[in-house]
């Protein structure tokens, strides 16, 4: 009978490390709500989906709904990762990549389009994106550490 040595994380599963999957889910839940709201807005009301724009052709409405389809795809992936304890890190990775590329596009727009943080809700949106990026980066690090050190349970949850 072989026994494996256990790390401090494995033997102290009743402490902080036991909560890591639930903390991850808590951090990922607000983006699920936001993705759902964005997806619904782009699908159900494409004419008002993007503030300050006027859609004048049927193709413009269809193209706007396609953005809703992209959000639905991201939402389905995020929910799939959220429901699996062993794939929570993928949800964090998806959100880190998404928030990073979104912030890069926003900064590019601020530098090249004449948009400022004082316009409309740009400041609030930018702050929320930065907070989600930071929280999900921390979640990704925690999930990676948790997965490396969790005891093998044989389950595929």
C-alpha atoms as a PDB file:
ATOM      1  CA  UNK A   1       0.000   0.000   0.000  1.00  0.00           C
ATOM      2  CA  UNK A   2       1.533   3.255  -1.119  1.00  0.00           C
ATOM      3  CA  UNK A   3       0.904   6.508   0.647  1.00  0.00           C
ATOM      4  CA  UNK A   4       1.533   9.919  -0.776  1.00  0.00           C
ATOM      5  CA  UNK A   5       2.969  12.714   1.263  1.00  0.00           C
ATOM      6  CA  UNK A   6       0.599  15.576   1.811  1.00  0.00           C
ATOM      7  CA  UNK A   7       1.433  19.260   1.560  1.00  0.00           C
ATOM      8  CA  UNK A   8       0.348  21.898   4.037  1.00  0.00           C
ATOM      9  CA  UNK A   9      -2.437  22.929   1.668  1.00  0.00           C
ATOM     10  CA  UNK A  10      -3.783  19.370   1.523  1.00  0.00           C
ATOM     11  CA  UNK A  11      -3.717  18.774   5.265  1.00  0.00           C
ATOM     12  CA  UNK A  12      -5.145  22.200   6.079  1.00  0.00           C
ATOM     13  CA  UNK A  13      -8.114  21.869   3.717  1.00  0.00           C
ATOM     14  CA  UNK A  14     -10.415  23.045   6.478  1.00  0.00           C
ATOM     15  CA  UNK A  15      -8.919  26.520   6.389  1.00  0.00           C
ATOM     16  CA  UNK A  16      -8.634  29.137   3.693  1.00  0.00           C
ATOM     17  CA  UNK A  17      -7.884  26.674   0.881  1.00  0.00           C
ATOM     18  CA  UNK A  18     -11.210  24.952   1.372  1.00  0.00           C
ATOM     19  CA  UNK A  19     -12.899  28.264   0.560  1.00  0.00           C
ATOM     20  CA  UNK A  20     -10.858  29.010  -2.580  1.00  0.00           C
ATOM     21  CA  UNK A  21     -13.351  27.423  -5.039  1.00  0.00           C
ATOM     22  CA  UNK A  22     -16.226  29.378  -3.477  1.00  0.00           C
ATOM     23  CA  UNK A  23     -14.236  32.618  -3.473  1.00  0.00           C
ATOM     24  CA  UNK A  24     -13.524  32.004  -7.167  1.00  0.00           C
ATOM     25  CA  UNK A  25     -17.202  31.520  -7.901  1.00  0.00           C
ATOM     26  CA  UNK A  26     -18.050  34.677  -5.954  1.00  0.00           C
ATOM     27  CA  UNK A  27     -15.508  36.692  -7.967  1.00  0.00           C
ATOM     28  CA  UNK A  28     -16.793  35.298 -11.283  1.00  0.00           C
ATOM     29  CA  UNK A  29     -20.501  35.768 -10.539  1.00  0.00           C
ATOM     30  CA  UNK A  30     -20.731  39.559 -11.206  1.00  0.00           C
ATOM     31  CA  UNK A  31     -19.246  39.153 -14.713  1.00  0.00           C
ATOM     32  CA  UNK A  32     -21.861  36.440 -15.376  1.00  0.00           C
ATOM     33  CA  UNK A  33     -24.606  38.953 -14.527  1.00  0.00           C
ATOM     34  CA  UNK A  34     -22.980  41.689 -16.622  1.00  0.00           C
ATOM     35  CA  UNK A  35     -22.399  39.378 -19.611  1.00  0.00           C
ATOM     36  CA  UNK A  36     -26.049  38.310 -19.395  1.00  0.00           C
ATOM     37  CA  UNK A  37     -27.283  41.903 -19.357  1.00  0.00           C
ATOM     38  CA  UNK A  38     -25.035  42.904 -22.271  1.00  0.00           C
ATOM     39  CA  UNK A  39     -26.060  39.851 -24.292  1.00  0.00           C
ATOM     40  CA  UNK A  40     -29.755  40.522 -23.700  1.00  0.00           C
ATOM     41  CA  UNK A  41     -29.379  44.203 -24.627  1.00  0.00           C
ATOM     42  CA  UNK A  42     -27.607  43.406 -27.891  1.00  0.00           C
ATOM     43  CA  UNK A  43     -30.128  40.709 -28.817  1.00  0.00           C
ATOM     44  CA  UNK A  44     -33.359  42.386 -27.784  1.00  0.00           C
ATOM     45  CA  UNK A  45     -32.643  46.057 -28.432  1.00  0.00           C
ATOM     46  CA  UNK A  46     -29.774  46.475 -30.901  1.00  0.00           C
ATOM     47  CA  UNK A  47     -30.841  50.032 -31.772  1.00  0.00           C
ATOM     48  CA  UNK A  48     -29.938  51.161 -28.236  1.00  0.00           C
ATOM     49  CA  UNK A  49     -27.188  48.678 -27.496  1.00  0.00           C
ATOM     50  CA  UNK A  50     -24.332  51.082 -28.180  1.00  0.00           C
ATOM     51  CA  UNK A  51     -24.853  54.580 -26.820  1.00  0.00           C
ATOM     52  CA  UNK A  52     -24.318  57.408 -29.279  1.00  0.00           C
ATOM     53  CA  UNK A  53     -24.773  55.303 -32.411  1.00  0.00           C
ATOM     54  CA  UNK A  54     -27.613  55.120 -34.892  1.00  0.00           C
ATOM     55  CA  UNK A  55     -28.234  51.893 -36.783  1.00  0.00           C
ATOM     56  CA  UNK A  56     -29.664  52.752 -40.193  1.00  0.00           C
ATOM     57  CA  UNK A  57     -29.556  49.504 -42.156  1.00  0.00           C
ATOM     58  CA  UNK A  58     -30.841  45.986 -41.491  1.00  0.00           C
ATOM     59  CA  UNK A  59     -27.247  44.768 -41.733  1.00  0.00           C
ATOM     60  CA  UNK A  60     -26.245  47.066 -38.887  1.00  0.00           C
ATOM     61  CA  UNK A  61     -28.939  45.527 -36.674  1.00  0.00           C
ATOM     62  CA  UNK A  62     -27.761  42.014 -37.578  1.00  0.00           C
ATOM     63  CA  UNK A  63     -24.119  42.897 -36.921  1.00  0.00           C
ATOM     64  CA  UNK A  64     -25.077  44.280 -33.512  1.00  0.00           C
ATOM     65  CA  UNK A  65     -26.945  41.069 -32.688  1.00  0.00           C
ATOM     66  CA  UNK A  66     -23.792  39.121 -33.646  1.00  0.00           C
ATOM     67  CA  UNK A  67     -21.965  40.948 -30.846  1.00  0.00           C
ATOM     68  CA  UNK A  68     -24.723  39.626 -28.568  1.00  0.00           C
ATOM     69  CA  UNK A  69     -23.982  36.131 -29.876  1.00  0.00           C
ATOM     70  CA  UNK A  70     -20.307  36.583 -28.989  1.00  0.00           C
ATOM     71  CA  UNK A  71     -21.310  37.619 -25.478  1.00  0.00           C
ATOM     72  CA  UNK A  72     -23.583  34.557 -25.257  1.00  0.00           C
ATOM     73  CA  UNK A  73     -20.650  32.337 -26.236  1.00  0.00           C
ATOM     74  CA  UNK A  74     -18.456  33.895 -23.539  1.00  0.00           C
ATOM     75  CA  UNK A  75     -21.314  33.547 -21.051  1.00  0.00           C
ATOM     76  CA  UNK A  76     -21.825  29.834 -21.822  1.00  0.00           C
ATOM     77  CA  UNK A  77     -18.104  29.164 -21.396  1.00  0.00           C
ATOM     78  CA  UNK A  78     -17.977  31.140 -18.161  1.00  0.00           C
ATOM     79  CA  UNK A  79     -20.973  29.299 -16.693  1.00  0.00           C
ATOM     80  CA  UNK A  80     -19.448  25.960 -17.737  1.00  0.00           C
ATOM     81  CA  UNK A  81     -16.213  26.840 -15.932  1.00  0.00           C
ATOM     82  CA  UNK A  82     -18.125  28.199 -12.942  1.00  0.00           C
ATOM     83  CA  UNK A  83     -19.933  24.885 -12.425  1.00  0.00           C
ATOM     84  CA  UNK A  84     -16.771  22.752 -12.426  1.00  0.00           C
ATOM     85  CA  UNK A  85     -14.446  22.956  -9.432  1.00  0.00           C
ATOM     86  CA  UNK A  86     -11.471  21.740 -11.477  1.00  0.00           C
ATOM     87  CA  UNK A  87     -12.100  24.230 -14.300  1.00  0.00           C
ATOM     88  CA  UNK A  88     -12.584  27.381 -12.242  1.00  0.00           C
ATOM     89  CA  UNK A  89      -9.089  28.458 -13.262  1.00  0.00           C
ATOM     90  CA  UNK A  90     -10.242  28.498 -16.895  1.00  0.00           C
ATOM     91  CA  UNK A  91     -13.022  30.911 -15.966  1.00  0.00           C
ATOM     92  CA  UNK A  92     -10.501  33.202 -14.322  1.00  0.00           C
ATOM     93  CA  UNK A  93      -8.215  32.887 -17.335  1.00  0.00           C
ATOM     94  CA  UNK A  94     -11.085  33.750 -19.694  1.00  0.00           C
ATOM     95  CA  UNK A  95     -11.976  36.821 -17.632  1.00  0.00           C
ATOM     96  CA  UNK A  96      -8.350  37.954 -17.292  1.00  0.00           C
ATOM     97  CA  UNK A  97      -7.855  37.744 -21.066  1.00  0.00           C
ATOM     98  CA  UNK A  98     -11.235  39.379 -21.753  1.00  0.00           C
ATOM     99  CA  UNK A  99     -10.721  42.244 -19.282  1.00  0.00           C
ATOM    100  CA  UNK A 100      -7.127  42.794 -20.458  1.00  0.00           C
ATOM    101  CA  UNK A 101      -8.073  43.036 -24.121  1.00  0.00           C
ATOM    102  CA  UNK A 102     -11.078  45.202 -23.245  1.00  0.00           C
ATOM    103  CA  UNK A 103      -8.884  47.598 -21.285  1.00  0.00           C
ATOM    104  CA  UNK A 104      -6.330  47.717 -24.111  1.00  0.00           C
ATOM    105  CA  UNK A 105      -9.116  48.612 -26.556  1.00  0.00           C
ATOM    106  CA  UNK A 106     -10.496  51.218 -24.139  1.00  0.00           C
ATOM    107  CA  UNK A 107      -7.069  52.815 -23.615  1.00  0.00           C
ATOM    108  CA  UNK A 108      -6.502  52.807 -27.374  1.00  0.00           C
ATOM    109  CA  UNK A 109      -9.852  54.562 -27.780  1.00  0.00           C
ATOM    110  CA  UNK A 110      -8.965  57.105 -25.105  1.00  0.00           C
ATOM    111  CA  UNK A 111      -5.701  57.892 -26.882  1.00  0.00           C
ATOM    112  CA  UNK A 112      -6.957  57.919 -30.470  1.00  0.00           C
ATOM    113  CA  UNK A 113     -10.680  58.643 -30.538  1.00  0.00           C
ATOM    114  CA  UNK A 114     -10.897  61.700 -28.360  1.00  0.00           C
ATOM    115  CA  UNK A 115     -12.865  59.895 -25.654  1.00  0.00           C
ATOM    116  CA  UNK A 116     -12.089  60.934 -22.084  1.00  0.00           C
ATOM    117  CA  UNK A 117     -12.793  59.321 -18.757  1.00  0.00           C
ATOM    118  CA  UNK A 118     -15.078  62.264 -17.976  1.00  0.00           C
ATOM    119  CA  UNK A 119     -17.447  61.351 -20.843  1.00  0.00           C
ATOM    120  CA  UNK A 120     -20.606  59.503 -19.876  1.00  0.00           C
ATOM    121  CA  UNK A 121     -19.893  56.427 -17.815  1.00  0.00           C
ATOM    122  CA  UNK A 122     -16.352  55.837 -19.120  1.00  0.00           C
ATOM    123  CA  UNK A 123     -14.729  56.312 -15.699  1.00  0.00           C
ATOM    124  CA  UNK A 124     -17.078  53.870 -13.946  1.00  0.00           C
ATOM    125  CA  UNK A 125     -16.755  51.237 -16.671  1.00  0.00           C
ATOM    126  CA  UNK A 126     -12.955  51.536 -16.679  1.00  0.00           C
ATOM    127  CA  UNK A 127     -12.759  51.203 -12.881  1.00  0.00           C
ATOM    128  CA  UNK A 128     -15.047  48.143 -12.915  1.00  0.00           C
ATOM    129  CA  UNK A 129     -12.940  46.523 -15.653  1.00  0.00           C
ATOM    130  CA  UNK A 130      -9.741  47.149 -13.667  1.00  0.00           C
ATOM    131  CA  UNK A 131     -11.297  45.724 -10.484  1.00  0.00           C
ATOM    132  CA  UNK A 132     -12.509  42.601 -12.331  1.00  0.00           C
ATOM    133  CA  UNK A 133      -9.057  42.202 -13.905  1.00  0.00           C
ATOM    134  CA  UNK A 134      -7.334  42.402 -10.519  1.00  0.00           C
ATOM    135  CA  UNK A 135      -9.819  40.083  -8.757  1.00  0.00           C
ATOM    136  CA  UNK A 136      -9.676  37.461 -11.498  1.00  0.00           C
ATOM    137  CA  UNK A 137      -5.876  37.644 -11.676  1.00  0.00           C
ATOM    138  CA  UNK A 138      -5.784  36.896  -7.943  1.00  0.00           C
ATOM    139  CA  UNK A 139      -8.380  34.158  -8.476  1.00  0.00           C
ATOM    140  CA  UNK A 140      -6.284  32.610 -11.234  1.00  0.00           C
ATOM    141  CA  UNK A 141      -3.205  32.534  -8.988  1.00  0.00           C
ATOM    142  CA  UNK A 142      -5.200  31.027  -6.103  1.00  0.00           C
ATOM    143  CA  UNK A 143      -6.865  28.427  -8.326  1.00  0.00           C
ATOM    144  CA  UNK A 144      -3.529  27.432  -9.835  1.00  0.00           C
ATOM    145  CA  UNK A 145      -2.010  26.986  -6.363  1.00  0.00           C
ATOM    146  CA  UNK A 146      -5.094  25.110  -5.156  1.00  0.00           C
ATOM    147  CA  UNK A 147      -5.058  22.716  -8.130  1.00  0.00           C
ATOM    148  CA  UNK A 148      -1.330  22.015  -7.805  1.00  0.00           C
ATOM    149  CA  UNK A 149      -1.671  21.102  -4.154  1.00  0.00           C
ATOM    150  CA  UNK A 150      -5.108  19.522  -3.815  1.00  0.00           C
ATOM    151  CA  UNK A 151      -5.244  15.860  -2.922  1.00  0.00           C
ATOM    152  CA  UNK A 152      -6.167  13.472  -5.726  1.00  0.00           C
ATOM    153  CA  UNK A 153      -9.768  12.565  -5.144  1.00  0.00           C
ATOM    154  CA  UNK A 154     -10.451  10.583  -8.279  1.00  0.00           C
ATOM    155  CA  UNK A 155     -13.548  12.646  -8.944  1.00  0.00           C
ATOM    156  CA  UNK A 156     -14.076  14.852 -11.959  1.00  0.00           C
ATOM    157  CA  UNK A 157     -16.093  17.685 -10.409  1.00  0.00           C
END
